[in-house]
């Protein structure tokens, strides 16, 4: 029973990750971000716009 539950959970996680990748490929890196990335001082959105994480 435990193994079956873990298998279902791991398959679900794989589907979620595949969906996240598909969304980011279609709409860009900033399409999916965690809530903390919108706080004051967060850098994820800015880094995603840079080349290799560096200002160009």
N, C-alpha and C. Protein backbone atom coordinates (compact mmCIF):
# COMPACT_ATOMS: atom_id res chain seq x y z
N UNK A 1 0.83 -1.19 0.00
CA UNK A 1 0.00 0.00 0.00
C UNK A 1 0.87 1.26 0.00
N UNK A 2 1.90 1.27 0.83
CA UNK A 2 2.79 2.43 0.91
C UNK A 2 3.51 2.66 -0.42
N UNK A 3 4.00 1.56 -1.00
CA UNK A 3 4.70 1.66 -2.28
C UNK A 3 3.77 2.17 -3.38
N UNK A 4 2.54 1.71 -3.37
CA UNK A 4 1.57 2.15 -4.37
C UNK A 4 1.30 3.64 -4.22
N UNK A 5 1.17 4.10 -2.97
CA UNK A 5 0.94 5.52 -2.71
C UNK A 5 2.12 6.36 -3.19
N UNK A 6 3.34 5.88 -2.90
CA UNK A 6 4.54 6.60 -3.32
C UNK A 6 4.65 6.66 -4.84
N UNK A 7 4.27 5.57 -5.51
CA UNK A 7 4.32 5.54 -6.97
C UNK A 7 3.34 6.55 -7.56
N UNK A 8 2.14 6.59 -7.01
CA UNK A 8 1.13 7.54 -7.48
C UNK A 8 1.62 8.97 -7.27
N UNK A 9 2.18 9.23 -6.09
CA UNK A 9 2.67 10.58 -5.78
C UNK A 9 3.82 10.96 -6.71
N UNK A 10 4.72 10.04 -6.98
CA UNK A 10 5.85 10.35 -7.85
C UNK A 10 5.39 10.58 -9.29
N UNK A 11 4.40 9.82 -9.75
CA UNK A 11 3.84 10.04 -11.09
C UNK A 11 3.16 11.40 -11.17
N UNK A 12 2.46 11.77 -10.10
CA UNK A 12 1.79 13.08 -10.06
C UNK A 12 2.83 14.19 -10.12
N UNK A 13 3.89 14.07 -9.34
CA UNK A 13 4.95 15.08 -9.31
C UNK A 13 5.59 15.21 -10.69
N UNK A 14 5.79 14.10 -11.38
CA UNK A 14 6.36 14.13 -12.73
C UNK A 14 5.45 14.90 -13.68
N UNK A 15 4.13 14.65 -13.59
CA UNK A 15 3.19 15.37 -14.45
C UNK A 15 3.20 16.86 -14.16
N UNK A 16 3.29 17.23 -12.89
CA UNK A 16 3.35 18.65 -12.50
C UNK A 16 4.60 19.29 -13.08
N UNK A 17 5.74 18.63 -12.95
CA UNK A 17 7.00 19.17 -13.46
C UNK A 17 6.96 19.30 -14.99
N UNK A 18 6.40 18.31 -15.67
CA UNK A 18 6.29 18.38 -17.13
C UNK A 18 5.39 19.54 -17.54
N UNK A 19 4.30 19.75 -16.81
CA UNK A 19 3.41 20.87 -17.11
C UNK A 19 4.11 22.20 -16.89
N UNK A 20 4.89 22.30 -15.81
CA UNK A 20 5.63 23.53 -15.53
C UNK A 20 6.62 23.84 -16.63
N UNK A 21 7.32 22.83 -17.10
CA UNK A 21 8.30 23.02 -18.19
C UNK A 21 7.58 23.48 -19.46
N UNK A 22 6.45 22.85 -19.77
CA UNK A 22 5.70 23.22 -20.98
C UNK A 22 5.22 24.67 -20.90
N UNK A 23 4.73 25.08 -19.74
CA UNK A 23 4.26 26.46 -19.56
C UNK A 23 5.41 27.44 -19.73
N UNK A 24 6.56 27.14 -19.11
CA UNK A 24 7.71 28.04 -19.22
C UNK A 24 8.23 28.11 -20.64
N UNK A 25 8.20 27.00 -21.37
CA UNK A 25 8.65 27.01 -22.76
C UNK A 25 7.72 27.85 -23.63
N UNK A 26 6.43 27.78 -23.34
CA UNK A 26 5.45 28.50 -24.16
C UNK A 26 5.37 29.98 -23.80
N UNK A 27 5.42 30.30 -22.50
CA UNK A 27 5.17 31.67 -22.05
C UNK A 27 6.39 32.38 -21.47
N UNK A 28 7.50 31.70 -21.32
CA UNK A 28 8.72 32.32 -20.80
C UNK A 28 8.99 31.94 -19.36
N UNK A 29 10.22 32.22 -18.93
CA UNK A 29 10.68 31.81 -17.59
C UNK A 29 9.87 32.44 -16.47
N UNK A 30 9.36 33.65 -16.68
CA UNK A 30 8.62 34.33 -15.62
C UNK A 30 7.15 33.93 -15.55
N UNK A 31 6.73 32.95 -16.35
CA UNK A 31 5.34 32.53 -16.34
C UNK A 31 4.96 31.86 -15.02
N UNK A 32 5.89 31.12 -14.43
CA UNK A 32 5.65 30.46 -13.14
C UNK A 32 6.75 30.86 -12.17
N UNK A 33 6.36 31.54 -11.13
CA UNK A 33 7.30 31.92 -10.07
C UNK A 33 6.64 31.68 -8.73
N UNK A 34 7.44 31.47 -7.71
CA UNK A 34 6.92 31.32 -6.35
C UNK A 34 6.51 32.70 -5.83
N UNK A 35 5.62 32.73 -4.88
CA UNK A 35 5.17 33.99 -4.31
C UNK A 35 6.30 34.82 -3.73
N UNK A 36 7.32 34.15 -3.18
CA UNK A 36 8.43 34.89 -2.58
C UNK A 36 9.20 35.68 -3.64
N UNK A 37 9.07 35.31 -4.92
CA UNK A 37 9.77 36.01 -5.98
C UNK A 37 9.13 37.36 -6.31
N UNK A 38 8.01 37.68 -5.67
CA UNK A 38 7.35 38.95 -5.90
C UNK A 38 7.56 39.91 -4.73
N UNK A 39 8.26 39.46 -3.70
CA UNK A 39 8.54 40.32 -2.56
C UNK A 39 9.54 41.40 -2.94
N UNK A 40 9.55 42.45 -2.17
CA UNK A 40 10.52 43.53 -2.38
C UNK A 40 11.93 42.97 -2.24
N UNK A 41 12.78 43.27 -3.18
CA UNK A 41 14.16 42.80 -3.14
C UNK A 41 14.39 41.47 -3.82
N UNK A 42 13.33 40.81 -4.29
CA UNK A 42 13.49 39.53 -4.98
C UNK A 42 14.15 39.75 -6.33
N UNK A 43 14.96 38.80 -6.75
CA UNK A 43 15.74 38.99 -7.97
C UNK A 43 15.42 38.01 -9.09
N UNK A 44 14.55 37.06 -8.88
CA UNK A 44 14.30 36.01 -9.87
C UNK A 44 13.85 36.57 -11.21
N UNK A 45 12.88 37.49 -11.19
CA UNK A 45 12.38 38.04 -12.45
C UNK A 45 13.48 38.78 -13.19
N UNK A 46 14.27 39.54 -12.48
CA UNK A 46 15.37 40.28 -13.11
C UNK A 46 16.41 39.33 -13.67
N UNK A 47 16.77 38.30 -12.90
CA UNK A 47 17.78 37.34 -13.35
C UNK A 47 17.31 36.59 -14.60
N UNK A 48 16.02 36.29 -14.67
CA UNK A 48 15.50 35.58 -15.83
C UNK A 48 15.61 36.41 -17.10
N UNK A 49 15.63 37.72 -16.97
CA UNK A 49 15.74 38.60 -18.13
C UNK A 49 17.19 38.80 -18.56
N UNK A 50 18.13 38.38 -17.75
CA UNK A 50 19.54 38.58 -18.05
C UNK A 50 20.11 37.37 -18.81
N UNK A 51 21.27 37.56 -19.36
CA UNK A 51 21.95 36.49 -20.09
C UNK A 51 22.84 35.74 -19.11
N UNK A 52 22.52 34.49 -18.85
CA UNK A 52 23.32 33.69 -17.92
C UNK A 52 23.34 34.24 -16.51
N UNK A 53 22.31 35.03 -16.15
CA UNK A 53 22.24 35.60 -14.80
C UNK A 53 23.09 36.84 -14.62
N UNK A 54 23.65 37.35 -15.73
CA UNK A 54 24.51 38.54 -15.65
C UNK A 54 23.92 39.65 -16.51
N UNK A 55 24.17 40.87 -16.09
CA UNK A 55 23.74 42.01 -16.90
C UNK A 55 24.56 42.06 -18.17
N UNK A 56 23.89 42.30 -19.27
CA UNK A 56 24.62 42.34 -20.56
C UNK A 56 24.72 43.75 -21.08
